[in-house]
PDB file of N, CA and C in Angstrom:
ATOM      1  N   MET A   1      80.305 113.376  93.074  1.00  0.00           N
ATOM      2  CA  MET A   1      80.701 114.103  94.265  1.00  0.00           C
ATOM      3  C   MET A   1      82.123 114.616  94.032  1.00  0.00           C
ATOM      4  N   LYS A   2      82.340 115.872  94.345  1.00  0.00           N
ATOM      5  CA  LYS A   2      83.628 116.510  94.125  1.00  0.00           C
ATOM      6  C   LYS A   2      84.421 116.506  95.431  1.00  0.00           C
ATOM      7  N   CYS A   3      85.660 116.099  95.338  1.00  0.00           N
ATOM      8  CA  CYS A   3      86.525 116.033  96.518  1.00  0.00           C
ATOM      9  C   CYS A   3      86.874 117.454  96.983  1.00  0.00           C
ATOM     10  N   PRO A   4      86.641 117.785  98.265  1.00  0.00           N
ATOM     11  CA  PRO A   4      86.960 119.123  98.746  1.00  0.00           C
ATOM     12  C   PRO A   4      88.470 119.361  98.885  1.00  0.00           C
ATOM     13  N   ARG A   5      89.265 118.312  98.935  1.00  0.00           N
ATOM     14  CA  ARG A   5      90.703 118.444  99.102  1.00  0.00           C
ATOM     15  C   ARG A   5      91.422 118.686  97.769  1.00  0.00           C
ATOM     16  N   CYS A   6      91.164 117.818  96.770  1.00  0.00           N
ATOM     17  CA  CYS A   6      91.907 117.925  95.500  1.00  0.00           C
ATOM     18  C   CYS A   6      91.029 118.335  94.316  1.00  0.00           C
ATOM     19  N   MET A   7      89.731 118.519  94.566  1.00  0.00           N
ATOM     20  CA  MET A   7      88.756 118.958  93.561  1.00  0.00           C
ATOM     21  C   MET A   7      88.586 117.971  92.407  1.00  0.00           C
ATOM     22  N   THR A   8      88.806 116.693  92.626  1.00  0.00           N
ATOM     23  CA  THR A   8      88.607 115.666  91.615  1.00  0.00           C
ATOM     24  C   THR A   8      87.152 115.221  91.628  1.00  0.00           C
ATOM     25  N   GLU A   9      86.541 115.066  90.479  1.00  0.00           N
ATOM     26  CA  GLU A   9      85.167 114.585  90.382  1.00  0.00           C
ATOM     27  C   GLU A   9      85.181 113.067  90.541  1.00  0.00           C
ATOM     28  N   ASN A  10      84.374 112.535  91.472  1.00  0.00           N
ATOM     29  CA  ASN A  10      84.388 111.113  91.803  1.00  0.00           C
ATOM     30  C   ASN A  10      83.058 110.415  91.571  1.00  0.00           C
ATOM     31  N   GLY A  11      82.095 111.072  90.990  1.00  0.00           N
ATOM     32  CA  GLY A  11      80.799 110.428  90.773  1.00  0.00           C
ATOM     33  C   GLY A  11      80.103 110.184  92.100  1.00  0.00           C
ATOM     34  N   ASN A  12      79.666 108.927  92.342  1.00  0.00           N
ATOM     35  CA  ASN A  12      78.965 108.576  93.582  1.00  0.00           C
ATOM     36  C   ASN A  12      79.891 108.002  94.648  1.00  0.00           C
ATOM     37  N   ARG A  13      81.154 108.003  94.408  1.00  0.00           N
ATOM     38  CA  ARG A  13      82.111 107.444  95.377  1.00  0.00           C
ATOM     39  C   ARG A  13      82.185 108.311  96.621  1.00  0.00           C
ATOM     40  N   THR A  14      82.441 107.690  97.760  1.00  0.00           N
ATOM     41  CA  THR A  14      82.605 108.444  99.007  1.00  0.00           C
ATOM     42  C   THR A  14      84.073 108.612  99.377  1.00  0.00           C
ATOM     43  N   ILE A  15      84.960 107.886  98.683  1.00  0.00           N
ATOM     44  CA  ILE A  15      86.397 108.021  98.897  1.00  0.00           C
ATOM     45  C   ILE A  15      87.006 108.516  97.591  1.00  0.00           C
ATOM     46  N   CYS A  16      87.813 109.569  97.679  1.00  0.00           N
ATOM     47  CA  CYS A  16      88.399 110.166  96.482  1.00  0.00           C
ATOM     48  C   CYS A  16      89.348 109.176  95.818  1.00  0.00           C
ATOM     49  N   SER A  17      89.215 109.034  94.508  1.00  0.00           N
ATOM     50  CA  SER A  17      90.064 108.093  93.770  1.00  0.00           C
ATOM     51  C   SER A  17      91.486 108.619  93.593  1.00  0.00           C
ATOM     52  N   LYS A  18      91.681 109.919  93.753  1.00  0.00           N
ATOM     53  CA  LYS A  18      93.008 110.500  93.559  1.00  0.00           C
ATOM     54  C   LYS A  18      93.789 110.615  94.868  1.00  0.00           C
ATOM     55  N   CYS A  19      93.185 111.232  95.876  1.00  0.00           N
ATOM     56  CA  CYS A  19      93.933 111.480  97.118  1.00  0.00           C
ATOM     57  C   CYS A  19      93.505 110.586  98.278  1.00  0.00           C
ATOM     58  N   GLY A  20      92.409 109.839  98.153  1.00  0.00           N
ATOM     59  CA  GLY A  20      91.964 108.924  99.201  1.00  0.00           C
ATOM     60  C   GLY A  20      91.194 109.590 100.327  1.00  0.00           C
ATOM     61  N   TYR A  21      90.808 110.848 100.157  1.00  0.00           N
ATOM     62  CA  TYR A  21      90.075 111.581 101.185  1.00  0.00           C
ATOM     63  C   TYR A  21      88.686 110.973 101.366  1.00  0.00           C
ATOM     64  N   PHE A  22      88.287 110.775 102.614  1.00  0.00           N
ATOM     65  CA  PHE A  22      86.974 110.215 102.922  1.00  0.00           C
ATOM     66  C   PHE A  22      85.975 111.361 102.923  1.00  0.00           C
ATOM     67  N   MET A  23      85.130 111.439 101.901  1.00  0.00           N
ATOM     68  CA  MET A  23      84.274 112.604 101.686  1.00  0.00           C
ATOM     69  C   MET A  23      82.961 112.558 102.452  1.00  0.00           C
ATOM     70  N   TYR A  24      82.544 111.417 102.934  1.00  0.00           N
ATOM     71  CA  TYR A  24      81.272 111.326 103.633  1.00  0.00           C
ATOM     72  C   TYR A  24      81.427 111.840 105.055  1.00  0.00           C
ATOM     73  N   ARG A  25      80.554 112.707 105.470  1.00  0.00           N
ATOM     74  CA  ARG A  25      80.535 113.231 106.829  1.00  0.00           C
ATOM     75  C   ARG A  25      79.120 113.093 107.378  1.00  0.00           C
ATOM     76  N   VAL A  26      79.010 112.747 108.647  1.00  0.00           N
ATOM     77  CA  VAL A  26      77.714 112.621 109.298  1.00  0.00           C
ATOM     78  C   VAL A  26      77.133 114.012 109.494  1.00  0.00           C
ATOM     79  N   ALA A  27      75.876 114.171 109.161  1.00  0.00           N
ATOM     80  CA  ALA A  27      75.216 115.473 109.319  1.00  0.00           C
ATOM     81  C   ALA A  27      74.968 115.741 110.797  1.00  0.00           C
ATOM     82  N   ASN A  28      75.262 116.929 111.249  1.00  0.00           N
ATOM     83  CA  ASN A  28      75.053 117.294 112.649  1.00  0.00           C
ATOM     84  C   ASN A  28      73.584 117.319 113.031  1.00  0.00           C
ATOM     85  N   GLN A  29      72.708 117.487 112.078  1.00  0.00           N
ATOM     86  CA  GLN A  29      71.290 117.547 112.385  1.00  0.00           C
ATOM     87  C   GLN A  29      70.742 116.187 112.808  1.00  0.00           C
ATOM     88  N   ASN A  30      71.424 115.091 112.462  1.00  0.00           N
ATOM     89  CA  ASN A  30      70.967 113.755 112.834  1.00  0.00           C
ATOM     90  C   ASN A  30      71.480 113.318 114.199  1.00  0.00           C
ATOM     91  N   VAL A  31      72.377 114.089 114.787  1.00  0.00           N
ATOM     92  CA  VAL A  31      72.962 113.732 116.079  1.00  0.00           C
ATOM     93  C   VAL A  31      72.009 114.161 117.187  1.00  0.00           C
ATOM     94  N   GLU A  32      71.778 113.246 118.114  1.00  0.00           N
ATOM     95  CA  GLU A  32      70.885 113.530 119.224  1.00  0.00           C
ATOM     96  C   GLU A  32      71.557 114.516 120.189  1.00  0.00           C
ATOM     97  N   LYS A  33      70.854 115.556 120.571  1.00  0.00           N
ATOM     98  CA  LYS A  33      71.372 116.547 121.522  1.00  0.00           C
ATOM     99  C   LYS A  33      71.182 116.004 122.934  1.00  0.00           C
ATOM    100  N   ARG A  34      72.286 115.940 123.687  1.00  0.00           N
ATOM    101  CA  ARG A  34      72.219 115.434 125.061  1.00  0.00           C
ATOM    102  C   ARG A  34      72.783 116.483 125.999  1.00  0.00           C
ATOM    103  N   SER A  35      72.222 116.526 127.185  1.00  0.00           N
ATOM    104  CA  SER A  35      72.701 117.474 128.182  1.00  0.00           C
ATOM    105  C   SER A  35      73.980 116.933 128.832  1.00  0.00           C
ATOM    106  N   ASN A  36      74.660 117.803 129.553  1.00  0.00           N
ATOM    107  CA  ASN A  36      75.876 117.384 130.250  1.00  0.00           C
ATOM    108  C   ASN A  36      75.573 116.335 131.310  1.00  0.00           C
ATOM    109  N   THR A  37      74.396 116.428 131.927  1.00  0.00           N
ATOM    110  CA  THR A  37      73.996 115.440 132.930  1.00  0.00           C
ATOM    111  C   THR A  37      73.841 114.067 132.295  1.00  0.00           C
ATOM    112  N   GLN A  38      73.201 114.013 131.129  1.00  0.00           N
ATOM    113  CA  GLN A  38      73.021 112.734 130.443  1.00  0.00           C
ATOM    114  C   GLN A  38      74.362 112.152 130.010  1.00  0.00           C
ATOM    115  N   ARG A  39      75.252 112.989 129.532  1.00  0.00           N
ATOM    116  CA  ARG A  39      76.588 112.512 129.161  1.00  0.00           C
ATOM    117  C   ARG A  39      77.327 111.961 130.362  1.00  0.00           C
ATOM    118  N   ALA A  40      77.213 112.645 131.515  1.00  0.00           N
ATOM    119  CA  ALA A  40      77.868 112.179 132.740  1.00  0.00           C
ATOM    120  C   ALA A  40      77.297 110.838 133.179  1.00  0.00           C
ATOM    121  N   LEU A  41      75.985 110.664 133.064  1.00  0.00           N
ATOM    122  CA  LEU A  41      75.365 109.384 133.421  1.00  0.00           C
ATOM    123  C   LEU A  41      75.838 108.254 132.502  1.00  0.00           C
ATOM    124  N   ASP A  42      75.932 108.544 131.212  1.00  0.00           N
ATOM    125  CA  ASP A  42      76.415 107.541 130.260  1.00  0.00           C
ATOM    126  C   ASP A  42      77.865 107.162 130.550  1.00  0.00           C
ATOM    127  N   ASP A  43      78.695 108.157 130.872  1.00  0.00           N
ATOM    128  CA  ASP A  43      80.094 107.880 131.217  1.00  0.00           C
ATOM    129  C   ASP A  43      80.191 107.044 132.484  1.00  0.00           C
ATOM    130  N   ALA A  44      79.333 107.326 133.462  1.00  0.00           N
ATOM    131  CA  ALA A  44      79.336 106.563 134.709  1.00  0.00           C
ATOM    132  C   ALA A  44      78.945 105.109 134.459  1.00  0.00           C
ATOM    133  N   LYS A  45      77.982 104.883 133.557  1.00  0.00           N
ATOM    134  CA  LYS A  45      77.582 103.513 133.219  1.00  0.00           C
ATOM    135  C   LYS A  45      78.747 102.749 132.600  1.00  0.00           C
ATOM    136  N   ILE A  46      79.459 103.401 131.696  1.00  0.00           N
ATOM    137  CA  ILE A  46      80.596 102.753 131.041  1.00  0.00           C
ATOM    138  C   ILE A  46      81.685 102.430 132.068  1.00  0.00           C
ATOM    139  N   ALA A  47      81.965 103.385 132.954  1.00  0.00           N
ATOM    140  CA  ALA A  47      82.986 103.167 133.984  1.00  0.00           C
ATOM    141  C   ALA A  47      82.549 102.062 134.941  1.00  0.00           C
ATOM    142  N   GLY A  48      81.259 102.021 135.267  1.00  0.00           N
ATOM    143  CA  GLY A  48      80.747 100.980 136.165  1.00  0.00           C
ATOM    144  C   GLY A  48      80.871  99.599 135.557  1.00  0.00           C
ATOM    145  N   LYS A  49      80.595  99.484 134.268  1.00  0.00           N
ATOM    146  CA  LYS A  49      80.724  98.189 133.594  1.00  0.00           C
ATOM    147  C   LYS A  49      82.172  97.721 133.622  1.00  0.00           C
ATOM    148  N   SER A  50      83.115  98.634 133.410  1.00  0.00           N
ATOM    149  CA  SER A  50      84.535  98.269 133.449  1.00  0.00           C
ATOM    150  C   SER A  50      84.932  97.831 134.846  1.00  0.00           C
ATOM    151  N   PHE A  51      84.438  98.542 135.872  1.00  0.00           N
ATOM    152  CA  PHE A  51      84.756  98.190 137.254  1.00  0.00           C
ATOM    153  C   PHE A  51      84.280  96.784 137.580  1.00  0.00           C
ATOM    154  N   TRP A  52      83.032  96.469 137.236  1.00  0.00           N
ATOM    155  CA  TRP A  52      82.491  95.159 137.574  1.00  0.00           C
ATOM    156  C   TRP A  52      83.180  94.042 136.796  1.00  0.00           C
ATOM    157  N   ARG A  53      83.624  94.322 135.577  1.00  0.00           N
ATOM    158  CA  ARG A  53      84.346  93.322 134.801  1.00  0.00           C
ATOM    159  C   ARG A  53      85.677  92.995 135.487  1.00  0.00           C
ATOM    160  N   ILE A  54      86.389  94.021 135.922  1.00  0.00           N
ATOM    161  CA  ILE A  54      87.667  93.816 136.621  1.00  0.00           C
ATOM    162  C   ILE A  54      87.426  93.157 137.972  1.00  0.00           C
ATOM    163  N   PHE A  55      86.368  93.577 138.675  1.00  0.00           N
ATOM    164  CA  PHE A  55      86.042  93.006 139.977  1.00  0.00           C
ATOM    165  C   PHE A  55      85.782  91.501 139.876  1.00  0.00           C
ATOM    166  N   ARG A  56      85.068  91.084 138.819  1.00  0.00           N
ATOM    167  CA  ARG A  56      84.807  89.652 138.644  1.00  0.00           C
ATOM    168  C   ARG A  56      86.092  88.865 138.429  1.00  0.00           C
ATOM    169  N   ILE A  57      87.011  89.405 137.654  1.00  0.00           N
ATOM    170  CA  ILE A  57      88.278  88.722 137.404  1.00  0.00           C
ATOM    171  C   ILE A  57      89.067  88.593 138.702  1.00  0.00           C
ATOM    172  N   VAL A  58      89.137  89.679 139.473  1.00  0.00           N
ATOM    173  CA  VAL A  58      89.855  89.651 140.756  1.00  0.00           C
ATOM    174  C   VAL A  58      89.189  88.663 141.699  1.00  0.00           C
ATOM    175  N   TRP A  59      87.859  88.636 141.727  1.00  0.00           N
ATOM    176  CA  TRP A  59      87.121  87.719 142.598  1.00  0.00           C
ATOM    177  C   TRP A  59      87.430  86.263 142.236  1.00  0.00           C
ATOM    178  N   ILE A  60      87.483  85.941 140.959  1.00  0.00           N
ATOM    179  CA  ILE A  60      87.796  84.580 140.521  1.00  0.00           C
ATOM    180  C   ILE A  60      89.200  84.195 140.962  1.00  0.00           C
ATOM    181  N   ILE A  61      90.151  85.110 140.841  1.00  0.00           N
ATOM    182  CA  ILE A  61      91.530  84.828 141.264  1.00  0.00           C
ATOM    183  C   ILE A  61      91.581  84.578 142.763  1.00  0.00           C
ATOM    184  N   ILE A  62      90.866  85.381 143.547  1.00  0.00           N
ATOM    185  CA  ILE A  62      90.842  85.192 145.004  1.00  0.00           C
ATOM    186  C   ILE A  62      90.222  83.848 145.360  1.00  0.00           C
ATOM    187  N   VAL A  63      89.144  83.487 144.698  1.00  0.00           N
ATOM    188  CA  VAL A  63      88.492  82.197 144.969  1.00  0.00           C
ATOM    189  C   VAL A  63      89.438  81.043 144.642  1.00  0.00           C
ATOM    190  N   ILE A  64      90.168  81.136 143.554  1.00  0.00           N
ATOM    191  CA  ILE A  64      91.118  80.081 143.184  1.00  0.00           C
ATOM    192  C   ILE A  64      92.214  79.953 144.237  1.00  0.00           C
ATOM    193  N   ILE A  65      92.722  81.069 144.720  1.00  0.00           N
ATOM    194  CA  ILE A  65      93.777  81.032 145.748  1.00  0.00           C
ATOM    195  C   ILE A  65      93.252  80.416 147.034  1.00  0.00           C
ATOM    196  N   VAL A  66      92.067  80.820 147.476  1.00  0.00           N
ATOM    197  CA  VAL A  66      91.492  80.292 148.719  1.00  0.00           C
ATOM    198  C   VAL A  66      91.193  78.804 148.574  1.00  0.00           C
ATOM    199  N   MET A  67      90.636  78.390 147.442  1.00  0.00           N
ATOM    200  CA  MET A  67      90.345  76.970 147.238  1.00  0.00           C
ATOM    201  C   MET A  67      91.627  76.141 147.206  1.00  0.00           C
ATOM    202  N   SER A  68      92.671  76.691 146.616  1.00  0.00           N
ATOM    203  CA  SER A  68      93.957  75.983 146.592  1.00  0.00           C
ATOM    204  C   SER A  68      94.503  75.802 148.003  1.00  0.00           C
ATOM    205  N   PHE A  69      94.385  76.851 148.817  1.00  0.00           N
ATOM    206  CA  PHE A  69      94.846  76.754 150.209  1.00  0.00           C
ATOM    207  C   PHE A  69      94.092  75.665 150.953  1.00  0.00           C
ATOM    208  N   TRP A  70      92.754  75.645 150.821  1.00  0.00           N
ATOM    209  CA  TRP A  70      91.966  74.646 151.543  1.00  0.00           C
ATOM    210  C   TRP A  70      92.214  73.238 150.999  1.00  0.00           C
ATOM    211  N   LEU A  71      92.456  73.102 149.720  1.00  0.00           N
ATOM    212  CA  LEU A  71      92.787  71.796 149.161  1.00  0.00           C
ATOM    213  C   LEU A  71      94.125  71.310 149.705  1.00  0.00           C
ATOM    214  N   LEU A  72      95.096  72.198 149.771  1.00  0.00           N
ATOM    215  CA  LEU A  72      96.401  71.839 150.337  1.00  0.00           C
ATOM    216  C   LEU A  72      96.270  71.489 151.816  1.00  0.00           C
ATOM    217  N   ALA A  73      95.462  72.246 152.556  1.00  0.00           N
ATOM    218  CA  ALA A  73      95.250  71.953 153.975  1.00  0.00           C
ATOM    219  C   ALA A  73      94.577  70.588 154.159  1.00  0.00           C
ATOM    220  N   LEU A  74      93.619  70.260 153.295  1.00  0.00           N
ATOM    221  CA  LEU A  74      92.950  68.955 153.356  1.00  0.00           C
ATOM    222  C   LEU A  74      93.938  67.831 153.069  1.00  0.00           C
ATOM    223  N   MET A  75      94.793  68.032 152.063  1.00  0.00           N
ATOM    224  CA  MET A  75      95.801  67.013 151.741  1.00  0.00           C
ATOM    225  C   MET A  75      96.767  66.812 152.901  1.00  0.00           C
ATOM    226  N   MET A  76      97.162  67.906 153.550  1.00  0.00           N
ATOM    227  CA  MET A  76      98.071  67.806 154.695  1.00  0.00           C
ATOM    228  C   MET A  76      97.391  67.058 155.841  1.00  0.00           C
ATOM    229  N   TRP A  77      96.116  67.332 156.088  1.00  0.00           N
ATOM    230  CA  TRP A  77      95.399  66.685 157.180  1.00  0.00           C
ATOM    231  C   TRP A  77      95.219  65.197 156.901  1.00  0.00           C
ATOM    232  N   LEU A  78      94.908  64.834 155.632  1.00  0.00           N
ATOM    233  CA  LEU A  78      94.694  63.437 155.285  1.00  0.00           C
ATOM    234  C   LEU A  78      95.990  62.630 155.346  1.00  0.00           C
ATOM    235  N   THR A  79      97.115  63.230 155.041  1.00  0.00           N
ATOM    236  CA  THR A  79      98.390  62.498 155.068  1.00  0.00           C
ATOM    237  C   THR A  79      99.105  62.627 156.403  1.00  0.00           C
ATOM    238  N   GLY A  80      98.491  63.294 157.350  1.00  0.00           N
ATOM    239  CA  GLY A  80      99.100  63.418 158.674  1.00  0.00           C
ATOM    240  C   GLY A  80     100.239  64.429 158.688  1.00  0.00           C
ATOM    241  N   GLY A  81     100.212  65.376 157.797  1.00  0.00           N
ATOM    242  CA  GLY A  81     101.213  66.430 157.795  1.00  0.00           C
ATOM    243  C   GLY A  81     102.394  66.151 156.885  1.00  0.00           C
ATOM    244  N   GLN A  82     102.421  65.008 156.252  1.00  0.00           N
ATOM    245  CA  GLN A  82     103.532  64.663 155.364  1.00  0.00           C
ATOM    246  C   GLN A  82     103.032  64.729 153.922  1.00  0.00           C
ATOM    247  N   VAL A  83     103.625  65.603 153.152  1.00  0.00           N
ATOM    248  CA  VAL A  83     103.288  65.696 151.747  1.00  0.00           C
ATOM    249  C   VAL A  83     104.360  64.967 150.969  1.00  0.00           C
ATOM    250  N   VAL A  84     103.940  63.949 150.226  1.00  0.00           N
ATOM    251  CA  VAL A  84     104.875  63.139 149.452  1.00  0.00           C
ATOM    252  C   VAL A  84     104.827  63.629 148.018  1.00  0.00           C
ATOM    253  N   LEU A  85     105.978  64.066 147.518  1.00  0.00           N
ATOM    254  CA  LEU A  85     106.042  64.569 146.164  1.00  0.00           C
ATOM    255  C   LEU A  85     106.894  63.648 145.298  1.00  0.00           C
ATOM    256  N   GLY A  86     106.379  63.267 144.154  1.00  0.00           N
ATOM    257  CA  GLY A  86     107.153  62.552 143.146  1.00  0.00           C
ATOM    258  C   GLY A  86     107.523  61.110 143.475  1.00  0.00           C
ATOM    259  N   GLN A  87     106.786  60.419 144.288  1.00  0.00           N
ATOM    260  CA  GLN A  87     107.135  59.021 144.560  1.00  0.00           C
ATOM    261  C   GLN A  87     106.072  58.107 144.064  1.00  0.00           C
TER     262      GLN A  87
END
């Protein structure tokens, strides 16, 4: 295979031994043709997955905060309103 950049003969190599040019390119005929609607749907799926991932993290943080509040309230109720620290 001949490098299109420096014209060095490289045999069966896909990377030029002289200049390092990556000679392999994907053929356009193998690429699936998609409409703009299909691309928009695929983009929406990706955005939706990101949203739900962030939503789950935020939900876990909210649950931890609420549980901490109720645990503190339970401790206050059990001790009669006096929280003893470090004794």
